[in-house]
Amino acid sequence: MSATWPTVWSANGGSQPAAAPALAPALIEVRRATKHYGRDIGIEEVNLDVRRGEVLGLLGPNGSGKTTLLRLMLGLLNFTSGRISIFGRDVTAVGKAIRSRIGYLPGDLALYDQQTVMQYLEFMMKLRKLDVMSSAMSLCERLKLDPSRHISDLSRGTKQKVAVVQAFMHAPELLLLDEPTSGLDPIVQREFEL
């Protein structure tokens, strides 16, 4: 791994992913994943496994490759070398097929300002070919988010709530969260932890 690679943290308090039973297949398997941006190194020779039920955090300074790894996992970037599989399937071959099973909260929000919260959530449901409106509205209520408001009128923290709802609304099997509480006030951050 490169010297700038972030620390891998797991919920058991260790500095490496928690040990899982030998028979449990990896939900996420990363092998020698490398991404270069020209002469710059995004990530170098990263290896890790995450099994069902594990919580994994990537800690590191800005520019250390955390977001690059998440985008590689989603098939949004091409590898320089290495491989990643999610749900036992290579992400480069079946990226779109597995994305509906994943909740992704990007660190850099790209919401459509001309839409209302409701329109944006409906758009995200159509992209995923899902009908989860009742779940989305329940999450909006829990986060005190008015679905009739225009996104352009929302504060940074309220826009983050919209992003949280779109990531969680379909009860995904896997969550990939990039700075999920960024911009949220402490009370909402506490709700997010629950």
N, C-alpha and C. Protein backbone atom coordinates (compact mmCIF):
# COMPACT_ATOMS: atom_id res chain seq x y z
N MET A 1 0.85 -1.19 0.00
CA MET A 1 0.00 0.00 0.00
C MET A 1 0.88 1.24 0.00
N SER A 2 0.38 2.31 -0.55
CA SER A 2 1.15 3.54 -0.56
C SER A 2 1.16 4.16 0.83
N ALA A 3 2.12 5.00 1.07
CA ALA A 3 2.24 5.64 2.38
C ALA A 3 1.07 6.56 2.68
N THR A 4 0.38 7.01 1.66
CA THR A 4 -0.74 7.93 1.89
C THR A 4 -2.07 7.20 2.01
N TRP A 5 -2.07 5.87 1.92
CA TRP A 5 -3.33 5.13 1.98
C TRP A 5 -3.97 5.29 3.34
N PRO A 6 -5.29 5.45 3.40
CA PRO A 6 -5.97 5.63 4.68
C PRO A 6 -5.94 4.37 5.54
N THR A 7 -6.05 4.59 6.83
CA THR A 7 -6.15 3.49 7.78
C THR A 7 -7.50 2.80 7.61
N VAL A 8 -7.50 1.49 7.67
CA VAL A 8 -8.74 0.73 7.60
C VAL A 8 -9.17 0.45 9.03
N TRP A 9 -10.40 0.85 9.36
CA TRP A 9 -10.92 0.71 10.72
C TRP A 9 -12.15 -0.16 10.70
N SER A 10 -12.30 -1.01 11.70
CA SER A 10 -13.51 -1.84 11.77
C SER A 10 -14.21 -1.61 13.10
N ALA A 11 -15.48 -2.00 13.15
CA ALA A 11 -16.32 -1.73 14.32
C ALA A 11 -15.83 -2.43 15.58
N ASN A 12 -14.99 -3.44 15.46
CA ASN A 12 -14.50 -4.11 16.66
C ASN A 12 -13.34 -3.36 17.30
N GLY A 13 -13.00 -2.19 16.76
CA GLY A 13 -11.97 -1.35 17.37
C GLY A 13 -10.58 -1.64 16.85
N GLY A 14 -10.41 -2.63 16.01
CA GLY A 14 -9.10 -2.96 15.49
C GLY A 14 -8.71 -2.07 14.33
N SER A 15 -7.46 -2.18 13.92
CA SER A 15 -7.00 -1.37 12.80
C SER A 15 -7.08 -2.13 11.48
N GLN A 16 -7.56 -3.35 11.51
CA GLN A 16 -7.80 -4.15 10.31
C GLN A 16 -9.24 -4.65 10.36
N PRO A 17 -9.79 -5.09 9.23
CA PRO A 17 -11.16 -5.60 9.26
C PRO A 17 -11.33 -6.73 10.26
N ALA A 18 -12.50 -6.78 10.87
CA ALA A 18 -12.79 -7.81 11.86
C ALA A 18 -12.70 -9.19 11.22
N ALA A 19 -12.18 -10.15 11.97
CA ALA A 19 -12.10 -11.52 11.48
C ALA A 19 -13.51 -12.08 11.36
N ALA A 20 -13.75 -12.80 10.31
CA ALA A 20 -15.06 -13.40 10.09
C ALA A 20 -14.89 -14.91 10.00
N PRO A 21 -15.95 -15.64 10.20
CA PRO A 21 -15.85 -17.09 10.08
C PRO A 21 -15.26 -17.47 8.72
N ALA A 22 -14.46 -18.52 8.70
CA ALA A 22 -13.76 -18.93 7.48
C ALA A 22 -14.72 -19.22 6.34
N LEU A 23 -15.92 -19.67 6.62
CA LEU A 23 -16.86 -20.04 5.57
C LEU A 23 -17.66 -18.87 5.03
N ALA A 24 -17.65 -17.74 5.72
CA ALA A 24 -18.43 -16.59 5.26
C ALA A 24 -17.75 -15.97 4.04
N PRO A 25 -18.46 -15.90 2.91
CA PRO A 25 -17.86 -15.28 1.73
C PRO A 25 -17.75 -13.77 1.91
N ALA A 26 -16.77 -13.20 1.24
CA ALA A 26 -16.59 -11.75 1.30
C ALA A 26 -17.70 -11.07 0.50
N LEU A 27 -18.32 -10.08 1.10
CA LEU A 27 -19.31 -9.25 0.41
C LEU A 27 -18.58 -8.31 -0.55
N ILE A 28 -17.47 -7.77 -0.05
CA ILE A 28 -16.58 -6.93 -0.87
C ILE A 28 -15.21 -7.58 -0.83
N GLU A 29 -14.62 -7.76 -1.99
CA GLU A 29 -13.27 -8.32 -2.07
C GLU A 29 -12.45 -7.41 -2.98
N VAL A 30 -11.39 -6.85 -2.43
CA VAL A 30 -10.51 -5.95 -3.17
C VAL A 30 -9.14 -6.61 -3.25
N ARG A 31 -8.62 -6.76 -4.44
CA ARG A 31 -7.33 -7.40 -4.65
C ARG A 31 -6.43 -6.54 -5.52
N ARG A 32 -5.37 -6.05 -4.89
CA ARG A 32 -4.31 -5.29 -5.56
C ARG A 32 -4.87 -4.13 -6.39
N ALA A 33 -5.92 -3.52 -5.88
CA ALA A 33 -6.56 -2.41 -6.61
C ALA A 33 -5.63 -1.21 -6.67
N THR A 34 -5.42 -0.75 -7.87
CA THR A 34 -4.54 0.39 -8.12
C THR A 34 -5.24 1.33 -9.09
N LYS A 35 -5.17 2.61 -8.79
CA LYS A 35 -5.70 3.63 -9.68
C LYS A 35 -4.72 4.79 -9.73
N HIS A 36 -4.21 5.06 -10.93
CA HIS A 36 -3.33 6.20 -11.15
C HIS A 36 -4.09 7.24 -11.97
N TYR A 37 -3.85 8.48 -11.65
CA TYR A 37 -4.37 9.60 -12.43
C TYR A 37 -3.16 10.24 -13.09
N GLY A 38 -2.79 9.75 -14.26
CA GLY A 38 -1.55 10.21 -14.87
C GLY A 38 -0.38 9.78 -13.99
N ARG A 39 0.40 10.75 -13.54
CA ARG A 39 1.53 10.45 -12.65
C ARG A 39 1.13 10.37 -11.18
N ASP A 40 -0.06 10.85 -10.86
CA ASP A 40 -0.53 10.84 -9.47
C ASP A 40 -1.13 9.48 -9.13
N ILE A 41 -0.90 9.05 -7.90
CA ILE A 41 -1.43 7.77 -7.42
C ILE A 41 -2.69 8.04 -6.61
N GLY A 42 -3.80 7.46 -7.05
CA GLY A 42 -5.05 7.52 -6.28
C GLY A 42 -5.01 6.50 -5.16
N ILE A 43 -4.82 5.24 -5.54
CA ILE A 43 -4.59 4.15 -4.59
C ILE A 43 -3.59 3.19 -5.22
N GLU A 44 -2.91 2.44 -4.38
CA GLU A 44 -1.86 1.54 -4.86
C GLU A 44 -1.93 0.21 -4.13
N GLU A 45 -2.18 -0.87 -4.88
CA GLU A 45 -2.10 -2.24 -4.35
C GLU A 45 -2.95 -2.45 -3.08
N VAL A 46 -4.18 -2.00 -3.09
CA VAL A 46 -5.05 -2.13 -1.92
C VAL A 46 -5.70 -3.52 -1.93
N ASN A 47 -5.68 -4.16 -0.77
CA ASN A 47 -6.32 -5.46 -0.56
C ASN A 47 -7.20 -5.36 0.67
N LEU A 48 -8.43 -5.83 0.58
CA LEU A 48 -9.28 -5.93 1.77
C LEU A 48 -10.49 -6.79 1.47
N ASP A 49 -11.05 -7.35 2.52
CA ASP A 49 -12.28 -8.13 2.46
C ASP A 49 -13.24 -7.56 3.48
N VAL A 50 -14.50 -7.50 3.13
CA VAL A 50 -15.56 -7.11 4.06
C VAL A 50 -16.64 -8.17 3.95
N ARG A 51 -17.01 -8.72 5.10
CA ARG A 51 -18.03 -9.77 5.13
C ARG A 51 -19.36 -9.20 5.62
N ARG A 52 -20.44 -9.89 5.30
CA ARG A 52 -21.78 -9.46 5.71
C ARG A 52 -21.80 -9.19 7.21
N GLY A 53 -22.38 -8.05 7.59
CA GLY A 53 -22.49 -7.68 8.99
C GLY A 53 -21.33 -6.86 9.51
N GLU A 54 -20.24 -6.79 8.77
CA GLU A 54 -19.11 -5.98 9.21
C GLU A 54 -19.33 -4.51 8.86
N VAL A 55 -18.73 -3.66 9.68
CA VAL A 55 -18.71 -2.23 9.42
C VAL A 55 -17.25 -1.86 9.23
N LEU A 56 -16.95 -1.19 8.14
CA LEU A 56 -15.58 -0.84 7.82
C LEU A 56 -15.51 0.65 7.57
N GLY A 57 -14.53 1.30 8.15
CA GLY A 57 -14.31 2.72 7.90
C GLY A 57 -12.95 2.94 7.29
N LEU A 58 -12.86 3.88 6.37
CA LEU A 58 -11.59 4.27 5.77
C LEU A 58 -11.25 5.64 6.31
N LEU A 59 -10.13 5.73 7.00
CA LEU A 59 -9.72 6.98 7.61
C LEU A 59 -8.44 7.47 6.96
N GLY A 60 -8.40 8.74 6.64
CA GLY A 60 -7.19 9.31 6.07
C GLY A 60 -7.42 10.75 5.68
N PRO A 61 -6.33 11.44 5.40
CA PRO A 61 -6.44 12.85 5.01
C PRO A 61 -7.05 12.99 3.62
N ASN A 62 -7.45 14.21 3.29
CA ASN A 62 -7.95 14.49 1.95
C ASN A 62 -6.91 14.05 0.93
N GLY A 63 -7.39 13.45 -0.15
CA GLY A 63 -6.50 13.03 -1.22
C GLY A 63 -5.80 11.71 -0.99
N SER A 64 -6.19 10.97 0.05
CA SER A 64 -5.49 9.71 0.34
C SER A 64 -6.10 8.50 -0.36
N GLY A 65 -7.19 8.67 -1.09
CA GLY A 65 -7.73 7.58 -1.89
C GLY A 65 -9.04 6.98 -1.42
N LYS A 66 -9.62 7.52 -0.38
CA LYS A 66 -10.88 6.95 0.15
C LYS A 66 -11.99 7.00 -0.89
N THR A 67 -12.22 8.16 -1.46
CA THR A 67 -13.28 8.32 -2.46
C THR A 67 -12.95 7.53 -3.72
N THR A 68 -11.70 7.51 -4.12
CA THR A 68 -11.29 6.72 -5.29
C THR A 68 -11.66 5.26 -5.10
N LEU A 69 -11.38 4.69 -3.93
CA LEU A 69 -11.72 3.29 -3.68
C LEU A 69 -13.23 3.07 -3.77
N LEU A 70 -14.01 3.96 -3.16
CA LEU A 70 -15.47 3.81 -3.23
C LEU A 70 -15.96 3.86 -4.68
N ARG A 71 -15.43 4.78 -5.46
CA ARG A 71 -15.86 4.90 -6.87
C ARG A 71 -15.43 3.69 -7.70
N LEU A 72 -14.28 3.12 -7.38
CA LEU A 72 -13.87 1.88 -8.04
C LEU A 72 -14.82 0.74 -7.68
N MET A 73 -15.24 0.69 -6.41
CA MET A 73 -16.17 -0.35 -5.97
C MET A 73 -17.49 -0.28 -6.71
N LEU A 74 -17.91 0.92 -7.07
CA LEU A 74 -19.17 1.11 -7.78
C LEU A 74 -19.04 0.99 -9.30
N GLY A 75 -17.82 0.81 -9.77
CA GLY A 75 -17.62 0.74 -11.21
C GLY A 75 -17.70 2.10 -11.88
N LEU A 76 -17.55 3.17 -11.11
CA LEU A 76 -17.62 4.53 -11.66
C LEU A 76 -16.29 5.00 -12.21
N LEU A 77 -15.21 4.33 -11.82
CA LEU A 77 -13.87 4.60 -12.33
C LEU A 77 -13.29 3.30 -12.86
N ASN A 78 -12.36 3.42 -13.80
CA ASN A 78 -11.64 2.26 -14.31
C ASN A 78 -10.35 2.07 -13.54
N PHE A 79 -10.00 0.82 -13.30
CA PHE A 79 -8.76 0.48 -12.60
C PHE A 79 -7.56 0.72 -13.48
N THR A 80 -6.43 0.99 -12.84
CA THR A 80 -5.16 0.89 -13.53
C THR A 80 -4.76 -0.58 -13.52
N SER A 81 -4.96 -1.24 -12.36
CA SER A 81 -4.76 -2.69 -12.25
C SER A 81 -5.50 -3.18 -11.01
N GLY A 82 -5.61 -4.49 -10.89
CA GLY A 82 -6.28 -5.10 -9.75
C GLY A 82 -7.72 -5.45 -10.08
N ARG A 83 -8.46 -5.86 -9.04
CA ARG A 83 -9.86 -6.21 -9.24
C ARG A 83 -10.65 -6.00 -7.95
N ILE A 84 -11.94 -5.80 -8.13
CA ILE A 84 -12.86 -5.69 -7.00
C ILE A 84 -14.10 -6.48 -7.36
N SER A 85 -14.56 -7.28 -6.40
CA SER A 85 -15.85 -7.95 -6.58
C SER A 85 -16.76 -7.59 -5.42
N ILE A 86 -18.03 -7.43 -5.73
CA ILE A 86 -19.06 -7.16 -4.73
C ILE A 86 -20.16 -8.17 -4.98
N PHE A 87 -20.64 -8.79 -3.91
CA PHE A 87 -21.63 -9.86 -4.01
C PHE A 87 -21.10 -11.00 -4.90
N GLY A 88 -19.77 -11.18 -4.89
CA GLY A 88 -19.16 -12.25 -5.66
C GLY A 88 -19.06 -11.99 -7.15
N ARG A 89 -19.33 -10.76 -7.57
CA ARG A 89 -19.31 -10.43 -9.00
C ARG A 89 -18.34 -9.30 -9.27
N ASP A 90 -17.59 -9.42 -10.35
CA ASP A 90 -16.60 -8.42 -10.74
C ASP A 90 -17.31 -7.11 -11.09
N VAL A 91 -16.93 -6.02 -10.44
CA VAL A 91 -17.63 -4.75 -10.65
C VAL A 91 -17.42 -4.18 -12.05
N THR A 92 -16.33 -4.53 -12.71
CA THR A 92 -16.11 -4.00 -14.06
C THR A 92 -17.04 -4.64 -15.07
N ALA A 93 -17.51 -5.85 -14.79
CA ALA A 93 -18.39 -6.55 -15.72
C ALA A 93 -19.87 -6.32 -15.43
N VAL A 94 -20.21 -6.11 -14.17
CA VAL A 94 -21.64 -6.05 -13.79
C VAL A 94 -21.95 -4.87 -12.89
N GLY A 95 -21.23 -3.77 -13.04
CA GLY A 95 -21.42 -2.63 -12.16
C GLY A 95 -22.86 -2.18 -12.02
N LYS A 96 -23.56 -2.00 -13.14
CA LYS A 96 -24.94 -1.52 -13.08
C LYS A 96 -25.87 -2.54 -12.43
N ALA A 97 -25.61 -3.81 -12.66
CA ALA A 97 -26.48 -4.86 -12.11
C ALA A 97 -26.45 -4.91 -10.59
N ILE A 98 -25.32 -4.53 -10.00
CA ILE A 98 -25.23 -4.59 -8.54
C ILE A 98 -25.54 -3.26 -7.87
N ARG A 99 -25.54 -2.17 -8.62
CA ARG A 99 -25.76 -0.86 -8.00
C ARG A 99 -27.11 -0.72 -7.34
N SER A 100 -28.14 -1.41 -7.83
CA SER A 100 -29.46 -1.31 -7.19
C SER A 100 -29.48 -1.98 -5.82
N ARG A 101 -28.47 -2.79 -5.53
CA ARG A 101 -28.37 -3.46 -4.22
C ARG A 101 -27.50 -2.67 -3.25
N ILE A 102 -27.00 -1.52 -3.72
CA ILE A 102 -26.07 -0.71 -2.94
C ILE A 102 -26.67 0.66 -2.69
N GLY A 103 -26.49 1.17 -1.48
CA GLY A 103 -26.83 2.55 -1.18
C GLY A 103 -25.53 3.34 -1.19
N TYR A 104 -25.46 4.35 -2.03
CA TYR A 104 -24.23 5.15 -2.15
C TYR A 104 -24.53 6.59 -1.78
N LEU A 105 -23.74 7.10 -0.87
CA LEU A 105 -23.83 8.50 -0.48
C LEU A 105 -22.50 9.15 -0.84
N PRO A 106 -22.47 9.90 -1.95
CA PRO A 106 -21.21 10.52 -2.36
C PRO A 106 -20.81 11.66 -1.45
N GLY A 107 -19.52 11.89 -1.36
CA GLY A 107 -19.02 13.00 -0.56
C GLY A 107 -19.27 14.34 -1.23
N ASP A 108 -19.29 14.34 -2.54
CA ASP A 108 -19.54 15.57 -3.30
C ASP A 108 -20.96 15.50 -3.86
N LEU A 109 -21.85 16.22 -3.21
CA LEU A 109 -23.26 16.17 -3.59
C LEU A 109 -23.48 16.75 -4.98
N ALA A 110 -24.28 16.06 -5.76
CA ALA A 110 -24.66 16.53 -7.10
C ALA A 110 -26.16 16.38 -7.23
N LEU A 111 -26.89 17.21 -6.51
CA LEU A 111 -28.34 17.18 -6.56
C LEU A 111 -28.82 18.11 -7.67
N TYR A 112 -30.03 17.90 -8.15
CA TYR A 112 -30.59 18.73 -9.21
C TYR A 112 -31.39 19.87 -8.59
N ASP A 113 -30.79 21.06 -8.59
CA ASP A 113 -31.38 22.22 -7.91
C ASP A 113 -32.76 22.61 -8.43
N GLN A 114 -33.07 22.31 -9.68
CA GLN A 114 -34.37 22.71 -10.24
C GLN A 114 -35.50 21.81 -9.77
N GLN A 115 -35.19 20.70 -9.12
CA GLN A 115 -36.21 19.76 -8.67
C GLN A 115 -36.59 20.00 -7.22
N THR A 116 -37.77 19.50 -6.85
CA THR A 116 -38.12 19.43 -5.44
C THR A 116 -37.46 18.18 -4.87
N VAL A 117 -37.45 18.08 -3.56
CA VAL A 117 -36.92 16.88 -2.91
C VAL A 117 -37.66 15.65 -3.43
N MET A 118 -38.98 15.73 -3.50
CA MET A 118 -39.80 14.61 -3.97
C MET A 118 -39.44 14.22 -5.40
N GLN A 119 -39.30 15.21 -6.28
CA GLN A 119 -38.96 14.92 -7.67
C GLN A 119 -37.60 14.24 -7.77
N TYR A 120 -36.65 14.71 -6.98
CA TYR A 120 -35.32 14.11 -6.98
C TYR A 120 -35.38 12.65 -6.51
N LEU A 121 -36.11 12.40 -5.43
CA LEU A 121 -36.21 11.03 -4.91
C LEU A 121 -36.92 10.12 -5.92
N GLU A 122 -37.96 10.64 -6.57
CA GLU A 122 -38.65 9.86 -7.62
C GLU A 122 -37.70 9.54 -8.77
N PHE A 123 -36.88 10.52 -9.14
CA PHE A 123 -35.89 10.32 -10.21
C PHE A 123 -34.91 9.22 -9.83
N MET A 124 -34.42 9.24 -8.59
CA MET A 124 -33.48 8.22 -8.14
C MET A 124 -34.14 6.84 -8.11
N MET A 125 -35.41 6.79 -7.76
CA MET A 125 -36.14 5.51 -7.77
C MET A 125 -36.25 4.97 -9.19
N LYS A 126 -36.54 5.84 -10.15
CA LYS A 126 -36.65 5.41 -11.55
C LYS A 126 -35.32 4.88 -12.06
N LEU A 127 -34.23 5.55 -11.68
CA LEU A 127 -32.90 5.07 -12.09
C LEU A 127 -32.64 3.66 -11.59
N ARG A 128 -33.08 3.38 -10.38
CA ARG A 128 -32.86 2.07 -9.76
C ARG A 128 -33.99 1.08 -10.06
N LYS A 129 -35.01 1.56 -10.78
CA LYS A 129 -36.18 0.73 -11.10
C LYS A 129 -36.81 0.16 -9.83
N LEU A 130 -37.05 1.06 -8.87
CA LEU A 130 -37.61 0.68 -7.58
C LEU A 130 -38.82 1.54 -7.25
N ASP A 131 -39.73 1.00 -6.47
CA ASP A 131 -40.86 1.77 -5.95
C ASP A 131 -40.79 1.70 -4.43
N VAL A 132 -40.13 2.68 -3.86
CA VAL A 132 -39.91 2.69 -2.40
C VAL A 132 -40.35 4.03 -1.81
N MET A 133 -41.41 4.61 -2.38
CA MET A 133 -41.86 5.93 -1.95
C MET A 133 -42.21 5.96 -0.47
N SER A 134 -42.89 4.94 0.04
CA SER A 134 -43.28 4.97 1.46
C SER A 134 -42.05 4.98 2.36
N SER A 135 -41.03 4.24 1.99
CA SER A 135 -39.79 4.24 2.76
C SER A 135 -39.11 5.60 2.69
N ALA A 136 -39.08 6.19 1.49
CA ALA A 136 -38.47 7.51 1.32
C ALA A 136 -39.19 8.56 2.16
N MET A 137 -40.52 8.53 2.16
CA MET A 137 -41.29 9.50 2.93
C MET A 137 -41.09 9.29 4.43
N SER A 138 -40.97 8.06 4.85
CA SER A 138 -40.71 7.76 6.26
C SER A 138 -39.35 8.32 6.69
N LEU A 139 -38.35 8.17 5.83
CA LEU A 139 -37.03 8.73 6.13
C LEU A 139 -37.08 10.26 6.14
N CYS A 140 -37.81 10.86 5.20
CA CYS A 140 -37.96 12.32 5.19
C CYS A 140 -38.57 12.80 6.50
N GLU A 141 -39.59 12.10 6.94
CA GLU A 141 -40.24 12.47 8.20
C GLU A 141 -39.28 12.33 9.37
N ARG A 142 -38.54 11.25 9.40
CA ARG A 142 -37.59 11.01 10.50
C ARG A 142 -36.51 12.09 10.56
N LEU A 143 -36.08 12.56 9.38
CA LEU A 143 -35.05 13.59 9.32
C LEU A 143 -35.62 15.01 9.25
N LYS A 144 -36.95 15.13 9.40
CA LYS A 144 -37.63 16.43 9.35
C LYS A 144 -37.30 17.17 8.05
N LEU A 145 -37.49 16.46 6.95
CA LEU A 145 -37.18 16.96 5.62
C LEU A 145 -38.49 17.12 4.84
N ASP A 146 -38.77 18.34 4.39
CA ASP A 146 -40.00 18.64 3.65
C ASP A 146 -39.80 18.26 2.19
N PRO A 147 -40.48 17.22 1.69
CA PRO A 147 -40.28 16.77 0.31
C PRO A 147 -40.80 17.73 -0.75
N SER A 148 -41.58 18.74 -0.36
CA SER A 148 -42.12 19.68 -1.35
C SER A 148 -41.16 20.85 -1.61
N ARG A 149 -40.11 20.97 -0.83
CA ARG A 149 -39.17 22.10 -1.00
C ARG A 149 -38.27 21.90 -2.21
N HIS A 150 -37.92 23.01 -2.85
CA HIS A 150 -36.98 22.96 -3.96
C HIS A 150 -35.57 22.80 -3.41
N ILE A 151 -34.80 21.97 -4.07
CA ILE A 151 -33.43 21.70 -3.62
C ILE A 151 -32.60 22.97 -3.63
N SER A 152 -32.85 23.87 -4.58
CA SER A 152 -32.08 25.12 -4.66
C SER A 152 -32.27 25.99 -3.42
N ASP A 153 -33.37 25.80 -2.69
CA ASP A 153 -33.65 26.59 -1.50
C ASP A 153 -33.10 25.97 -0.21
N LEU A 154 -32.45 24.82 -0.31
CA LEU A 154 -32.01 24.10 0.88
C LEU A 154 -30.60 24.48 1.29
N SER A 155 -30.35 24.44 2.59
CA SER A 155 -29.00 24.64 3.11
C SER A 155 -28.14 23.42 2.78
N ARG A 156 -26.84 23.54 2.96
CA ARG A 156 -25.92 22.41 2.73
C ARG A 156 -26.32 21.21 3.58
N GLY A 157 -26.64 21.44 4.84
CA GLY A 157 -27.02 20.35 5.74
C GLY A 157 -28.31 19.67 5.32
N THR A 158 -29.27 20.46 4.84
CA THR A 158 -30.55 19.88 4.41
C THR A 158 -30.37 19.12 3.10
N LYS A 159 -29.50 19.61 2.22
CA LYS A 159 -29.18 18.85 1.00
C LYS A 159 -28.54 17.51 1.37
N GLN A 160 -27.72 17.51 2.41
CA GLN A 160 -27.11 16.26 2.86
C GLN A 160 -28.18 15.28 3.33
N LYS A 161 -29.23 15.80 3.97
CA LYS A 161 -30.34 14.93 4.38
C LYS A 161 -30.99 14.26 3.17
N VAL A 162 -31.16 15.03 2.09
CA VAL A 162 -31.73 14.47 0.86
C VAL A 162 -30.85 13.33 0.35
N ALA A 163 -29.54 13.54 0.38
CA ALA A 163 -28.61 12.51 -0.07
C ALA A 163 -28.67 11.28 0.82
N VAL A 164 -28.83 11.49 2.12
CA VAL A 164 -28.96 10.36 3.05
C VAL A 164 -30.21 9.56 2.72
N VAL A 165 -31.33 10.24 2.48
CA VAL A 165 -32.58 9.55 2.15
C VAL A 165 -32.41 8.72 0.89
N GLN A 166 -31.81 9.29 -0.17
CA GLN A 166 -31.68 8.54 -1.42
C GLN A 166 -30.77 7.33 -1.25
N ALA A 167 -29.80 7.39 -0.36
CA ALA A 167 -28.91 6.24 -0.14
C ALA A 167 -29.58 5.12 0.64
N PHE A 168 -30.47 5.48 1.57
CA PHE A 168 -31.08 4.50 2.47
C PHE A 168 -32.47 4.05 2.06
N MET A 169 -33.16 4.77 1.17
CA MET A 169 -34.59 4.55 0.94
C MET A 169 -34.95 3.17 0.42
N HIS A 170 -34.05 2.49 -0.24
CA HIS A 170 -34.36 1.18 -0.80
C HIS A 170 -33.83 0.03 0.05
N ALA A 171 -33.49 0.33 1.32
CA ALA A 171 -32.99 -0.69 2.26
C ALA A 171 -31.92 -1.56 1.58
N PRO A 172 -30.82 -0.93 1.15
CA PRO A 172 -29.81 -1.66 0.39
C PRO A 172 -29.10 -2.72 1.23
N GLU A 173 -28.58 -3.72 0.54
CA GLU A 173 -27.81 -4.77 1.20
C GLU A 173 -26.44 -4.26 1.65
N LEU A 174 -25.95 -3.25 0.95
CA LEU A 174 -24.62 -2.72 1.21
C LEU A 174 -24.69 -1.20 1.14
N LEU A 175 -24.08 -0.54 2.10
CA LEU A 175 -23.99 0.92 2.11
C LEU A 175 -22.55 1.34 1.90
N LEU A 176 -22.33 2.25 0.96
CA LEU A 176 -21.03 2.87 0.74
C LEU A 176 -21.23 4.36 0.97
N LEU A 177 -20.69 4.84 2.07
CA LEU A 177 -20.95 6.21 2.52
C LEU A 177 -19.66 7.00 2.53
N ASP A 178 -19.63 8.11 1.82
CA ASP A 178 -18.46 8.98 1.75
C ASP A 178 -18.79 10.25 2.52
N GLU A 179 -18.25 10.38 3.71
CA GLU A 179 -18.50 11.51 4.60
C GLU A 179 -20.00 11.74 4.81
N PRO A 180 -20.70 10.74 5.34
CA PRO A 180 -22.17 10.79 5.41
C PRO A 180 -22.74 11.88 6.30
N THR A 181 -22.02 12.31 7.32
CA THR A 181 -22.58 13.31 8.22
C THR A 181 -22.05 14.72 7.95
N SER A 182 -21.31 14.88 6.87
CA SER A 182 -20.77 16.19 6.51
C SER A 182 -21.91 17.19 6.31
N GLY A 183 -21.86 18.29 7.02
CA GLY A 183 -22.87 19.33 6.88
C GLY A 183 -24.10 19.14 7.74
N LEU A 184 -24.23 17.99 8.40
CA LEU A 184 -25.40 17.75 9.25
C LEU A 184 -25.16 18.33 10.63
N ASP A 185 -26.21 18.89 11.22
CA ASP A 185 -26.07 19.42 12.58
C ASP A 185 -25.95 18.25 13.56
N PRO A 186 -25.42 18.51 14.76
CA PRO A 186 -25.17 17.42 15.73
C PRO A 186 -26.41 16.59 16.08
N ILE A 187 -27.58 17.20 16.12
CA ILE A 187 -28.80 16.46 16.45
C ILE A 187 -29.12 15.46 15.34
N VAL A 188 -29.00 15.89 14.10
CA VAL A 188 -29.27 14.99 12.97
C VAL A 188 -28.16 13.94 12.87
N GLN A 189 -26.93 14.31 13.18
CA GLN A 189 -25.85 13.32 13.19
C GLN A 189 -26.17 12.21 14.17
N ARG A 190 -26.72 12.55 15.32
CA ARG A 190 -27.10 11.54 16.31
C ARG A 190 -28.21 10.65 15.76
N GLU A 191 -29.18 11.22 15.07
CA GLU A 191 -30.26 10.44 14.45
C GLU A 191 -29.68 9.49 13.41
N PHE A 192 -28.69 9.95 12.66
CA PHE A 192 -28.04 9.14 11.65
C PHE A 192 -27.39 7.91 12.28
N GLU A 193 -26.80 8.06 13.45
CA GLU A 193 -26.14 6.95 14.14
C GLU A 193 -27.13 5.90 14.60
N LEU A 194 -28.38 6.30 14.86
CA LEU A 194 -29.39 5.35 15.33
C LEU A 194 -29.85 4.53 14.17
